[in-house]
Amino acid sequence: MKRLFKIAKILTLLFLFGIFGACEEKKELSSYNPNHWNDHYADPEALGLIIDSLQSGKTYLSIYSHIYSFSLEKSQNLTAMVSLRNVSDTGTIYISKADYYNTKGELIRHYFGKPIQLKPLETVEIVIDETDEQGGSGANFIFEWSAAPNTPEPLFEAVMTSLRGSQGLSFITQGRRID
């Protein structure tokens, strides 16, 4: 009887810990910081003067928040580092949109509300935390950008990684111009 009482007591404690653990506030994703872009926002006046002379484009980039291992029931979360690169050594690139979508094509978040600029050969990153499971296996980005004529178009790449003990996994995807 004492043993049964101890088991009931342990189960009650585990139940209470489970309830309190489920009531935790939802934690903000550590990699999503809107202030990250403050140093990159384009000067609206300068941009307004040249906007008509710029060529524009749209690029699609696939992201994998998780991948399947062994079967559809087992998956492994990944960290994704999205790299936005100006490959021109002379011209500035303006990126007006960086929108993140999930596997179903639903918008998860906008990364900045006004255009950012990338100086020649400059790179900025977006990091999707390994714990951010919103995107799924078919997550993606749409980027809209502008540049002076004859300026090479920007390069959008993603590196997905996961480390478990002494094992590591990494692979890349590259953006594809869609207009």
Protein backbone atom coordinates (compact mmCIF):
# COMPACT_ATOMS: atom_id res chain seq x y z
CA MET A 1 0.00 0.00 0.00
CA LYS A 2 2.85 2.37 0.84
CA ARG A 3 4.43 1.62 -2.51
CA LEU A 4 1.17 2.44 -4.32
CA PHE A 5 0.93 5.70 -2.37
CA LYS A 6 4.49 6.65 -3.42
CA ILE A 7 3.74 5.91 -7.06
CA ALA A 8 0.56 8.02 -6.90
CA LYS A 9 2.51 10.87 -5.29
CA ILE A 10 5.20 10.73 -7.99
CA LEU A 11 2.60 10.66 -10.76
CA THR A 12 0.80 13.66 -9.22
CA LEU A 13 4.07 15.63 -9.10
CA LEU A 14 4.88 14.75 -12.70
CA PHE A 15 1.39 15.83 -13.74
CA LEU A 16 1.76 19.18 -11.95
CA PHE A 17 5.19 19.80 -13.50
CA GLY A 18 3.67 19.07 -16.90
CA ILE A 19 0.86 21.57 -16.35
CA PHE A 20 3.20 24.31 -15.16
CA GLY A 21 5.65 23.61 -17.97
CA ALA A 22 2.87 23.94 -20.55
CA CYS A 23 1.89 27.33 -19.11
CA GLU A 24 5.24 28.95 -19.90
CA GLU A 25 5.12 32.09 -22.01
CA LYS A 26 5.92 31.62 -25.65
CA LYS A 27 9.57 32.56 -26.11
CA GLU A 28 10.52 35.00 -28.85
CA LEU A 29 12.77 33.53 -31.48
CA SER A 30 16.31 34.62 -30.75
CA SER A 31 17.20 35.19 -34.39
CA TYR A 32 14.26 37.42 -35.27
CA ASN A 33 15.29 40.94 -34.34
CA PRO A 34 13.66 43.75 -36.37
CA ASN A 35 16.38 46.16 -35.15
CA HIS A 36 18.96 44.06 -37.02
CA TRP A 37 18.17 46.05 -40.17
CA ASN A 38 18.60 49.57 -38.72
CA ASP A 39 22.12 49.99 -40.14
CA HIS A 40 20.99 48.83 -43.57
CA TYR A 41 17.86 50.88 -44.26
CA ALA A 42 18.15 52.81 -47.51
CA ASP A 43 17.96 56.61 -47.45
CA PRO A 44 14.39 57.24 -48.71
CA GLU A 45 15.30 60.58 -50.36
CA ALA A 46 18.28 59.18 -52.24
CA LEU A 47 16.32 56.09 -53.23
CA GLY A 48 13.39 58.24 -54.38
CA LEU A 49 15.66 60.14 -56.76
CA ILE A 50 17.01 57.03 -58.49
CA ILE A 51 14.12 54.54 -58.21
CA ASP A 52 12.95 55.09 -61.81
CA SER A 53 16.39 54.25 -63.20
CA LEU A 54 16.75 50.91 -61.39
CA GLN A 55 16.15 47.44 -62.78
CA SER A 56 14.18 45.16 -60.49
CA GLY A 57 13.82 41.46 -59.89
CA LYS A 58 12.25 38.81 -57.71
CA THR A 59 14.07 35.76 -56.35
CA TYR A 60 12.75 32.55 -54.77
CA LEU A 61 14.84 30.66 -52.17
CA SER A 62 13.94 27.28 -50.67
CA ILE A 63 14.59 26.68 -46.95
CA TYR A 64 14.37 23.51 -44.90
CA SER A 65 13.34 24.00 -41.25
CA HIS A 66 13.44 20.24 -40.90
CA ILE A 67 14.18 17.18 -42.99
CA TYR A 68 12.87 13.66 -42.74
CA SER A 69 15.07 10.81 -41.52
CA PHE A 70 14.21 7.16 -41.95
CA SER A 71 10.49 7.82 -42.46
CA LEU A 72 7.78 10.46 -42.67
CA GLU A 73 7.27 10.14 -38.90
CA LYS A 74 10.87 11.02 -37.97
CA SER A 75 12.34 14.42 -38.72
CA GLN A 76 15.32 16.48 -37.67
CA ASN A 77 15.18 20.24 -37.11
CA LEU A 78 17.75 22.42 -38.84
CA THR A 79 19.19 25.89 -38.39
CA ALA A 80 19.05 27.89 -41.62
CA MET A 81 21.32 30.82 -42.37
CA VAL A 82 20.01 32.85 -45.27
CA SER A 83 22.70 34.93 -46.95
CA LEU A 84 21.76 38.05 -48.95
CA ARG A 85 24.84 38.99 -50.99
CA ASN A 86 25.69 41.90 -53.22
CA VAL A 87 28.12 40.37 -55.72
CA SER A 88 28.86 43.71 -57.41
CA ASP A 89 32.13 45.41 -56.55
CA THR A 90 30.80 48.82 -57.64
CA GLY A 91 27.00 49.06 -57.37
CA THR A 92 24.54 49.12 -54.47
CA ILE A 93 21.66 46.63 -54.30
CA TYR A 94 18.31 47.59 -52.74
CA ILE A 95 16.18 44.82 -51.25
CA SER A 96 12.58 45.86 -50.69
CA LYS A 97 11.11 42.55 -49.56
CA ALA A 98 12.24 39.46 -47.66
CA ASP A 99 9.16 37.41 -46.85
CA TYR A 100 9.27 33.97 -45.21
CA TYR A 101 6.58 31.39 -46.08
CA ASN A 102 5.79 27.94 -44.69
CA THR A 103 5.30 24.65 -46.53
CA LYS A 104 1.64 25.52 -47.25
CA GLY A 105 2.64 28.86 -48.82
CA GLU A 106 1.34 30.89 -45.85
CA LEU A 107 3.28 34.01 -44.89
CA ILE A 108 5.14 33.57 -41.59
CA ARG A 109 6.87 36.95 -41.35
CA HIS A 110 8.19 40.01 -43.17
CA TYR A 111 11.82 40.68 -42.30
CA PHE A 112 11.87 44.43 -42.90
CA GLY A 113 9.28 47.10 -43.55
CA LYS A 114 11.27 49.41 -45.80
CA PRO A 115 14.04 48.86 -48.34
CA ILE A 116 17.52 47.96 -47.15
CA GLN A 117 20.70 48.57 -49.10
CA LEU A 118 23.70 46.38 -49.58
CA LYS A 119 26.88 48.24 -50.47
CA PRO A 120 29.31 46.68 -52.96
CA LEU A 121 30.30 43.15 -51.84
CA GLU A 122 28.27 43.48 -48.61
CA THR A 123 26.41 40.51 -47.12
CA VAL A 124 23.65 40.35 -44.49
CA GLU A 125 22.11 37.26 -42.95
CA ILE A 126 18.77 36.01 -41.71
CA VAL A 127 18.96 33.10 -39.28
CA ILE A 128 16.06 30.70 -38.78
CA ASP A 129 16.55 29.06 -35.38
CA GLU A 130 16.63 25.28 -35.15
CA THR A 131 13.73 25.57 -32.69
CA ASP A 132 11.63 27.58 -35.18
CA GLU A 133 9.47 24.84 -36.72
CA GLN A 134 6.98 27.17 -38.42
CA GLY A 135 8.45 26.79 -41.90
CA GLY A 136 8.50 23.02 -42.21
CA SER A 137 10.23 20.97 -44.86
CA GLY A 138 9.05 23.19 -47.71
CA ALA A 139 9.64 26.69 -46.31
CA ASN A 140 10.74 29.43 -48.67
CA PHE A 141 11.55 33.10 -49.11
CA ILE A 142 10.58 35.62 -51.74
CA PHE A 143 12.97 38.55 -52.18
CA GLU A 144 12.32 41.65 -54.26
CA TRP A 145 15.31 43.76 -55.20
CA SER A 146 16.50 46.64 -57.37
CA ALA A 147 19.86 47.72 -58.77
CA ALA A 148 21.31 50.06 -61.36
CA PRO A 149 21.37 48.72 -64.93
CA ASN A 150 24.39 46.48 -65.65
CA THR A 151 24.80 45.70 -61.92
CA PRO A 152 24.93 41.94 -61.33
CA GLU A 153 21.83 40.63 -59.58
CA PRO A 154 22.22 39.73 -55.90
CA LEU A 155 22.92 36.20 -54.72
CA PHE A 156 20.56 34.57 -52.24
CA GLU A 157 21.74 31.34 -50.61
CA ALA A 158 20.83 29.30 -47.55
CA VAL A 159 23.00 26.98 -45.50
CA MET A 160 21.07 24.46 -43.38
CA THR A 161 22.94 22.79 -40.52
CA SER A 162 22.39 20.51 -37.58
CA LEU A 163 24.88 19.16 -35.09
CA ARG A 164 24.20 16.17 -32.85
CA GLY A 165 27.06 14.91 -30.73
CA SER A 166 29.91 14.16 -33.09
CA GLN A 167 27.69 14.07 -36.18
CA GLY A 168 26.96 17.05 -38.39
CA LEU A 169 24.71 17.68 -41.34
CA SER A 170 24.86 20.63 -43.71
CA PHE A 171 23.74 21.52 -47.23
CA ILE A 172 22.98 24.63 -49.27
CA THR A 173 20.28 25.96 -51.53
CA GLN A 174 20.53 28.83 -54.01
CA GLY A 175 17.93 31.36 -55.02
CA ARG A 176 16.27 31.32 -58.40
CA ARG A 177 15.10 34.44 -60.21
CA ILE A 178 11.36 34.18 -60.84
CA ASP A 179 10.73 37.31 -62.90
